[in-house]
C-alpha atoms as a PDB file:
ATOM      1  CA  MET A   1      -7.035  13.150-140.108  1.00  0.00           C
ATOM      2  CA  THR A   2      -8.151   9.521-140.386  1.00  0.00           C
ATOM      3  CA  GLN A   3      -4.524   8.393-140.169  1.00  0.00           C
ATOM      4  CA  ILE A   4      -3.834  10.214-136.918  1.00  0.00           C
ATOM      5  CA  ILE A   5      -7.122   9.026-135.344  1.00  0.00           C
ATOM      6  CA  VAL A   6      -6.406   5.380-136.147  1.00  0.00           C
ATOM      7  CA  PHE A   7      -2.752   5.708-135.138  1.00  0.00           C
ATOM      8  CA  LEU A   8      -3.605   7.139-131.704  1.00  0.00           C
ATOM      9  CA  LEU A   9      -6.483   4.711-131.179  1.00  0.00           C
ATOM     10  CA  VAL A  10      -4.367   1.632-131.884  1.00  0.00           C
ATOM     11  CA  GLY A  11      -1.316   2.951-130.012  1.00  0.00           C
ATOM     12  CA  GLY A  12      -3.300   3.965-126.922  1.00  0.00           C
ATOM     13  CA  THR A  13      -5.133   0.641-126.876  1.00  0.00           C
ATOM     14  CA  GLU A  14      -1.856  -1.276-127.064  1.00  0.00           C
ATOM     15  CA  CYS A  15      -0.544   0.655-124.049  1.00  0.00           C
ATOM     16  CA  ALA A  16      -3.595  -0.378-122.022  1.00  0.00           C
ATOM     17  CA  LEU A  17      -3.470  -3.970-123.265  1.00  0.00           C
ATOM     18  CA  LEU A  18       0.158  -4.322-122.164  1.00  0.00           C
ATOM     19  CA  ALA A  19      -0.920  -3.283-118.652  1.00  0.00           C
ATOM     20  CA  VAL A  20      -3.788  -5.799-118.780  1.00  0.00           C
ATOM     21  CA  MET A  21      -1.345  -8.511-119.855  1.00  0.00           C
ATOM     22  CA  SER A  22       0.911  -7.699-116.898  1.00  0.00           C
ATOM     23  CA  TYR A  23      -2.069  -8.175-114.572  1.00  0.00           C
ATOM     24  CA  ASP A  24      -2.768 -11.511-116.271  1.00  0.00           C
ATOM     25  CA  ARG A  25       0.843 -12.561-115.604  1.00  0.00           C
ATOM     26  CA  TYR A  26       0.523 -11.424-111.992  1.00  0.00           C
ATOM     27  CA  VAL A  27      -2.550 -13.587-111.427  1.00  0.00           C
ATOM     28  CA  ALA A  28      -0.956 -16.561-113.226  1.00  0.00           C
ATOM     29  CA  VAL A  29       2.232 -16.441-111.124  1.00  0.00           C
ATOM     30  CA  CYS A  30       1.028 -15.106-107.765  1.00  0.00           C
ATOM     31  CA  LYS A  31      -2.437 -16.680-107.613  1.00  0.00           C
ATOM     32  CA  PRO A  32      -2.294 -19.729-109.900  1.00  0.00           C
ATOM     33  CA  LEU A  33      -5.009 -21.679-108.044  1.00  0.00           C
ATOM     34  CA  HIS A  34      -7.470 -18.785-108.420  1.00  0.00           C
ATOM     35  CA  TYR A  35      -6.576 -17.912-112.008  1.00  0.00           C
ATOM     36  CA  SER A  36      -9.644 -19.505-113.611  1.00  0.00           C
ATOM     37  CA  THR A  37     -11.995 -17.799-111.157  1.00  0.00           C
ATOM     38  CA  ILE A  38     -10.337 -14.360-111.431  1.00  0.00           C
ATOM     39  CA  MET A  39      -9.616 -14.173-115.171  1.00  0.00           C
ATOM     40  CA  THR A  40     -13.037 -15.259-116.381  1.00  0.00           C
ATOM     41  CA  GLU A  41     -14.333 -14.601-119.895  1.00  0.00           C
ATOM     42  CA  GLN A  42     -16.437 -11.727-118.579  1.00  0.00           C
ATOM     43  CA  VAL A  43     -13.465 -10.102-116.854  1.00  0.00           C
ATOM     44  CA  CYS A  44     -11.312 -10.491-119.980  1.00  0.00           C
ATOM     45  CA  LEU A  45     -14.054  -8.924-122.096  1.00  0.00           C
ATOM     46  CA  GLN A  46     -14.395  -6.000-119.673  1.00  0.00           C
ATOM     47  CA  LEU A  47     -10.632  -5.427-119.655  1.00  0.00           C
ATOM     48  CA  ALA A  48     -10.526  -5.499-123.459  1.00  0.00           C
ATOM     49  CA  ILE A  49     -13.406  -3.010-123.734  1.00  0.00           C
ATOM     50  CA  ALA A  50     -11.760  -0.718-121.166  1.00  0.00           C
ATOM     51  CA  SER A  51      -8.488  -0.851-123.138  1.00  0.00           C
ATOM     52  CA  TRP A  52     -10.200   0.161-126.383  1.00  0.00           C
ATOM     53  CA  ALA A  53     -12.193   2.859-124.558  1.00  0.00           C
ATOM     54  CA  SER A  54      -9.004   4.389-123.130  1.00  0.00           C
ATOM     55  CA  GLY A  55      -7.398   4.334-126.570  1.00  0.00           C
ATOM     56  CA  ALA A  56     -10.473   6.043-128.052  1.00  0.00           C
ATOM     57  CA  LEU A  57     -10.382   8.731-125.342  1.00  0.00           C
ATOM     58  CA  VAL A  58      -6.724   9.529-125.985  1.00  0.00           C
ATOM     59  CA  SER A  59      -7.298   9.588-129.731  1.00  0.00           C
ATOM     60  CA  LEU A  60     -10.279  11.938-129.393  1.00  0.00           C
ATOM     61  CA  VAL A  61      -8.531  14.400-127.069  1.00  0.00           C
ATOM     62  CA  ASP A  62      -5.190  14.515-128.898  1.00  0.00           C
ATOM     63  CA  THR A  63      -6.834  14.816-132.325  1.00  0.00           C
ATOM     64  CA  SER A  64      -9.228  17.544-131.186  1.00  0.00           C
ATOM     65  CA  PHE A  65      -6.483  19.694-129.662  1.00  0.00           C
ATOM     66  CA  THR A  66      -4.111  19.121-132.593  1.00  0.00           C
ATOM     67  CA  PHE A  67      -6.550  20.055-135.349  1.00  0.00           C
ATOM     68  CA  GLN A  68      -7.953  23.111-133.605  1.00  0.00           C
ATOM     69  CA  LEU A  69      -4.646  24.898-134.299  1.00  0.00           C
ATOM     70  CA  PRO A  70      -4.267  27.028-137.452  1.00  0.00           C
ATOM     71  CA  TYR A  71      -1.974  25.591-140.129  1.00  0.00           C
ATOM     72  CA  ARG A  72      -0.696  27.793-142.953  1.00  0.00           C
ATOM     73  CA  GLY A  73       1.755  27.310-145.766  1.00  0.00           C
ATOM     74  CA  GLN A  74       2.572  24.106-147.624  1.00  0.00           C
ATOM     75  CA  ASN A  75       1.824  21.935-144.582  1.00  0.00           C
ATOM     76  CA  ILE A  76       4.417  19.342-145.527  1.00  0.00           C
ATOM     77  CA  ILE A  77       5.750  17.517-142.495  1.00  0.00           C
ATOM     78  CA  ASN A  78       9.282  16.179-142.277  1.00  0.00           C
ATOM     79  CA  HIS A  79       8.040  12.825-141.031  1.00  0.00           C
ATOM     80  CA  TYR A  80       6.958   9.398-142.227  1.00  0.00           C
ATOM     81  CA  PHE A  81       3.309   9.787-141.159  1.00  0.00           C
ATOM     82  CA  CYS A  82       0.967  12.118-139.290  1.00  0.00           C
ATOM     83  CA  GLU A  83       1.257  12.185-135.508  1.00  0.00           C
ATOM     84  CA  PRO A  84       0.756  15.071-133.041  1.00  0.00           C
ATOM     85  CA  PRO A  85       4.431  15.938-132.336  1.00  0.00           C
ATOM     86  CA  ALA A  86       5.117  16.232-136.075  1.00  0.00           C
ATOM     87  CA  LEU A  87       1.981  18.280-136.819  1.00  0.00           C
ATOM     88  CA  LEU A  88       2.619  20.739-133.982  1.00  0.00           C
ATOM     89  CA  LYS A  89       5.796  21.850-135.740  1.00  0.00           C
ATOM     90  CA  LEU A  90       3.652  23.262-138.567  1.00  0.00           C
ATOM     91  CA  ALA A  91       1.233  25.222-136.375  1.00  0.00           C
ATOM     92  CA  SER A  92       1.255  28.995-136.853  1.00  0.00           C
ATOM     93  CA  ALA A  93       0.001  29.710-133.312  1.00  0.00           C
ATOM     94  CA  ASP A  94       1.070  29.040-129.747  1.00  0.00           C
ATOM     95  CA  THR A  95       0.974  25.274-129.139  1.00  0.00           C
ATOM     96  CA  TYR A  96       1.450  25.334-125.361  1.00  0.00           C
ATOM     97  CA  SER A  97      -2.117  24.302-124.445  1.00  0.00           C
ATOM     98  CA  THR A  98      -2.083  21.520-127.035  1.00  0.00           C
ATOM     99  CA  GLU A  99       1.272  20.271-125.802  1.00  0.00           C
ATOM    100  CA  MET A 100      -0.074  20.190-122.235  1.00  0.00           C
ATOM    101  CA  ALA A 101      -3.161  18.257-123.357  1.00  0.00           C
ATOM    102  CA  ILE A 102      -1.002  15.727-125.201  1.00  0.00           C
ATOM    103  CA  PHE A 103       1.304  15.492-122.186  1.00  0.00           C
ATOM    104  CA  ALA A 104      -1.711  14.862-119.896  1.00  0.00           C
ATOM    105  CA  MET A 105      -2.969  12.128-122.206  1.00  0.00           C
ATOM    106  CA  GLY A 106       0.547  10.716-122.222  1.00  0.00           C
ATOM    107  CA  VAL A 107       0.430  10.479-118.437  1.00  0.00           C
ATOM    108  CA  VAL A 108      -2.928   8.684-118.652  1.00  0.00           C
ATOM    109  CA  ILE A 109      -2.056   6.215-121.384  1.00  0.00           C
ATOM    110  CA  LEU A 110       1.707   5.813-120.845  1.00  0.00           C
ATOM    111  CA  LEU A 111       2.729   6.466-117.245  1.00  0.00           C
ATOM    112  CA  ALA A 112      -0.428   5.044-115.617  1.00  0.00           C
ATOM    113  CA  PRO A 113      -0.170   1.662-117.410  1.00  0.00           C
ATOM    114  CA  ILE A 114       3.593   1.475-116.880  1.00  0.00           C
ATOM    115  CA  SER A 115       2.998   2.080-113.153  1.00  0.00           C
ATOM    116  CA  LEU A 116       0.533  -0.835-113.075  1.00  0.00           C
ATOM    117  CA  ILE A 117       3.067  -2.976-114.937  1.00  0.00           C
ATOM    118  CA  LEU A 118       5.804  -2.137-112.425  1.00  0.00           C
ATOM    119  CA  VAL A 119       3.511  -2.966-109.483  1.00  0.00           C
ATOM    120  CA  SER A 120       2.523  -6.279-111.101  1.00  0.00           C
ATOM    121  CA  TYR A 121       6.107  -7.302-111.756  1.00  0.00           C
ATOM    122  CA  TRP A 122       7.219  -6.223-108.298  1.00  0.00           C
ATOM    123  CA  ASN A 123       4.724  -8.703-106.853  1.00  0.00           C
ATOM    124  CA  ILE A 124       5.742 -11.330-109.408  1.00  0.00           C
ATOM    125  CA  ILE A 125       9.441 -10.986-108.546  1.00  0.00           C
ATOM    126  CA  SER A 126       8.657 -11.144-104.814  1.00  0.00           C
ATOM    127  CA  THR A 127       6.693 -14.357-105.377  1.00  0.00           C
ATOM    128  CA  VAL A 128       9.379 -15.916-107.592  1.00  0.00           C
ATOM    129  CA  ILE A 129      12.117 -15.192-105.027  1.00  0.00           C
ATOM    130  CA  GLN A 130      10.150 -17.111-102.399  1.00  0.00           C
ATOM    131  CA  MET A 131       9.790 -20.189-104.652  1.00  0.00           C
ATOM    132  CA  GLN A 132      11.831 -23.175-103.569  1.00  0.00           C
ATOM    133  CA  SER A 133      11.745 -24.960-106.911  1.00  0.00           C
ATOM    134  CA  GLY A 134      14.182 -23.906-109.594  1.00  0.00           C
ATOM    135  CA  GLU A 135      11.844 -25.277-112.250  1.00  0.00           C
ATOM    136  CA  GLY A 136       9.020 -23.132-110.878  1.00  0.00           C
ATOM    137  CA  ARG A 137      11.189 -20.019-111.112  1.00  0.00           C
ATOM    138  CA  PHE A 138      12.152 -20.859-114.672  1.00  0.00           C
ATOM    139  CA  LYS A 139       8.501 -21.299-115.689  1.00  0.00           C
ATOM    140  CA  ALA A 140       7.549 -18.014-114.040  1.00  0.00           C
ATOM    141  CA  PHE A 141      10.285 -16.065-115.828  1.00  0.00           C
ATOM    142  CA  SER A 142       9.460 -17.867-119.076  1.00  0.00           C
ATOM    143  CA  THR A 143       5.846 -16.746-118.705  1.00  0.00           C
ATOM    144  CA  CYS A 144       6.818 -13.101-118.156  1.00  0.00           C
ATOM    145  CA  GLY A 145       9.968 -12.769-120.257  1.00  0.00           C
ATOM    146  CA  SER A 146       8.363 -12.175-123.655  1.00  0.00           C
ATOM    147  CA  HIS A 147       5.938  -9.619-122.245  1.00  0.00           C
ATOM    148  CA  LEU A 148       8.727  -7.713-120.518  1.00  0.00           C
ATOM    149  CA  ILE A 149      10.741  -7.481-123.740  1.00  0.00           C
ATOM    150  CA  VAL A 150       7.748  -6.022-125.615  1.00  0.00           C
ATOM    151  CA  VAL A 151       7.042  -3.562-122.779  1.00  0.00           C
ATOM    152  CA  VAL A 152      10.622  -2.251-122.791  1.00  0.00           C
ATOM    153  CA  LEU A 153      10.740  -1.882-126.578  1.00  0.00           C
ATOM    154  CA  PHE A 154       7.331  -0.222-126.954  1.00  0.00           C
ATOM    155  CA  TYR A 155       7.152   1.979-123.871  1.00  0.00           C
ATOM    156  CA  GLY A 156      10.764   3.112-124.059  1.00  0.00           C
ATOM    157  CA  SER A 157      10.386   4.603-127.529  1.00  0.00           C
ATOM    158  CA  ALA A 158       6.820   5.886-126.973  1.00  0.00           C
ATOM    159  CA  ILE A 159       7.697   7.707-123.738  1.00  0.00           C
ATOM    160  CA  PHE A 160      10.705   9.309-125.415  1.00  0.00           C
ATOM    161  CA  THR A 161       8.403  10.646-128.166  1.00  0.00           C
ATOM    162  CA  TYR A 162       5.383  11.848-126.176  1.00  0.00           C
ATOM    163  CA  MET A 163       6.721  12.716-122.718  1.00  0.00           C
ATOM    164  CA  ARG A 164       9.308  15.380-123.600  1.00  0.00           C
ATOM    165  CA  PRO A 165       9.069  19.021-124.697  1.00  0.00           C
ATOM    166  CA  ASN A 166       8.172  19.600-128.328  1.00  0.00           C
ATOM    167  CA  SER A 167      10.774  20.994-130.698  1.00  0.00           C
ATOM    168  CA  LYS A 168      10.120  22.978-133.856  1.00  0.00           C
ATOM    169  CA  THR A 169      12.622  20.890-135.792  1.00  0.00           C
ATOM    170  CA  THR A 170      12.284  17.204-136.608  1.00  0.00           C
ATOM    171  CA  LYS A 171      15.502  15.265-136.168  1.00  0.00           C
ATOM    172  CA  GLU A 172      16.312  12.040-137.986  1.00  0.00           C
ATOM    173  CA  ARG A 173      16.595  10.386-134.589  1.00  0.00           C
ATOM    174  CA  ASP A 174      12.968  11.267-133.801  1.00  0.00           C
ATOM    175  CA  LYS A 175      11.783   9.771-137.070  1.00  0.00           C
ATOM    176  CA  MET A 176      13.722   6.562-136.500  1.00  0.00           C
ATOM    177  CA  ILE A 177      12.342   6.178-132.972  1.00  0.00           C
ATOM    178  CA  THR A 178       8.813   6.636-134.292  1.00  0.00           C
ATOM    179  CA  VAL A 179       9.376   3.959-136.922  1.00  0.00           C
ATOM    180  CA  PHE A 180      10.816   1.715-134.209  1.00  0.00           C
ATOM    181  CA  TYR A 181       7.667   1.608-132.040  1.00  0.00           C
ATOM    182  CA  THR A 182       5.167   1.722-134.914  1.00  0.00           C
ATOM    183  CA  VAL A 183       6.759  -0.732-137.353  1.00  0.00           C
ATOM    184  CA  ILE A 184       9.703  -2.666-135.938  1.00  0.00           C
ATOM    185  CA  THR A 185       8.200  -3.505-132.525  1.00  0.00           C
ATOM    186  CA  PRO A 186       4.917  -4.900-133.974  1.00  0.00           C
ATOM    187  CA  MET A 187       6.971  -6.951-136.452  1.00  0.00           C
ATOM    188  CA  LEU A 188       9.040  -8.380-133.600  1.00  0.00           C
ATOM    189  CA  ASN A 189       6.016  -9.204-131.420  1.00  0.00           C
ATOM    190  CA  PRO A 190       5.117 -12.517-133.138  1.00  0.00           C
ATOM    191  CA  ILE A 191       8.741 -13.636-132.934  1.00  0.00           C
ATOM    192  CA  ILE A 192       9.110 -12.639-129.275  1.00  0.00           C
ATOM    193  CA  TYR A 193       5.870 -14.261-128.137  1.00  0.00           C
ATOM    194  CA  SER A 194       6.466 -17.419-130.180  1.00  0.00           C
ATOM    195  CA  LEU A 195       9.778 -18.097-128.420  1.00  0.00           C
ATOM    196  CA  ARG A 196       7.757 -19.872-125.701  1.00  0.00           C
ATOM    197  CA  ASN A 197       6.372 -22.296-128.286  1.00  0.00           C
ATOM    198  CA  LYS A 198       8.009 -25.730-128.050  1.00  0.00           C
ATOM    199  CA  ASP A 199       8.075 -26.194-131.828  1.00  0.00           C
ATOM    200  CA  VAL A 200       9.811 -22.854-132.314  1.00  0.00           C
ATOM    201  CA  LYS A 201      12.347 -23.706-129.602  1.00  0.00           C
ATOM    202  CA  GLY A 202      13.009 -27.064-131.252  1.00  0.00           C
ATOM    203  CA  ALA A 203      13.521 -25.441-134.657  1.00  0.00           C
ATOM    204  CA  LEU A 204      15.948 -22.899-133.165  1.00  0.00           C
ATOM    205  CA  ARG A 205      17.941 -25.700-131.480  1.00  0.00           C
ATOM    206  CA  LYS A 206      18.160 -27.629-134.763  1.00  0.00           C
ATOM    207  CA  LEU A 207      19.260 -24.493-136.601  1.00  0.00           C
ATOM    208  CA  THR A 208      21.941 -23.804-133.976  1.00  0.00           C
ATOM    209  CA  VAL A 209      23.214 -27.391-134.124  1.00  0.00           C
ATOM    210  CA  ARG A 210      23.362 -27.349-137.922  1.00  0.00           C
ATOM    211  CA  LYS A 211      25.212 -24.040-137.941  1.00  0.00           C
ATOM    212  CA  SER A 212      27.778 -25.195-135.402  1.00  0.00           C
ATOM    213  CA  PHE A 213      28.232 -28.491-137.268  1.00  0.00           C
ATOM    214  CA  SER A 214      28.771 -26.721-140.607  1.00  0.00           C
ATOM    215  CA  GLN A 215      31.331 -24.394-139.023  1.00  0.00           C
ATOM    216  CA  ARG A 216      33.315 -27.376-137.678  1.00  0.00           C
ATOM    217  CA  GLN A 217      33.480 -28.898-141.128  1.00  0.00           C
END
């Protein structure tokens, strides 16, 4: 039970934080002169608390509905870890109400943040198109590029898992997708976000030059 609570808490909080980060990018690109007055320490703290609160709400609701179902038999799941879609396959009662509760929480923590992200990036793209400077456009896309990659990787796999009808059989594809957004994506995050770092860019250039030089020889 502890595993599923922590899993949902951290996953739900990350969904909200990605939406908060998109708003931060929107302010940085669309309202750069007002950034320091809008994104104050107090506002950042409030956004962080709200993100954790939303993750806690999703975790509480999903866990409560999942564990109120009767489970009989060996209770061995064909999965890498405990999460609601995998546990529902073991329930010995009708899971419709639980599936609807999980779907509703999915709308709150997945579709609502992704809608905010889309609105933010729509405004960012509109602002970038109006820029006259090519350097300014490059900086704007550089600021948003890493975040967009993480959003696509995380939300794509999470929506596929939680926003579709539940099946009584666990496919290998489902297990791999779950591993993708719980293990692979977090491992890639430091690499993706560090690509904006000048030292990392310099090291990658040197590595590319050395590789091309060795191939010529």
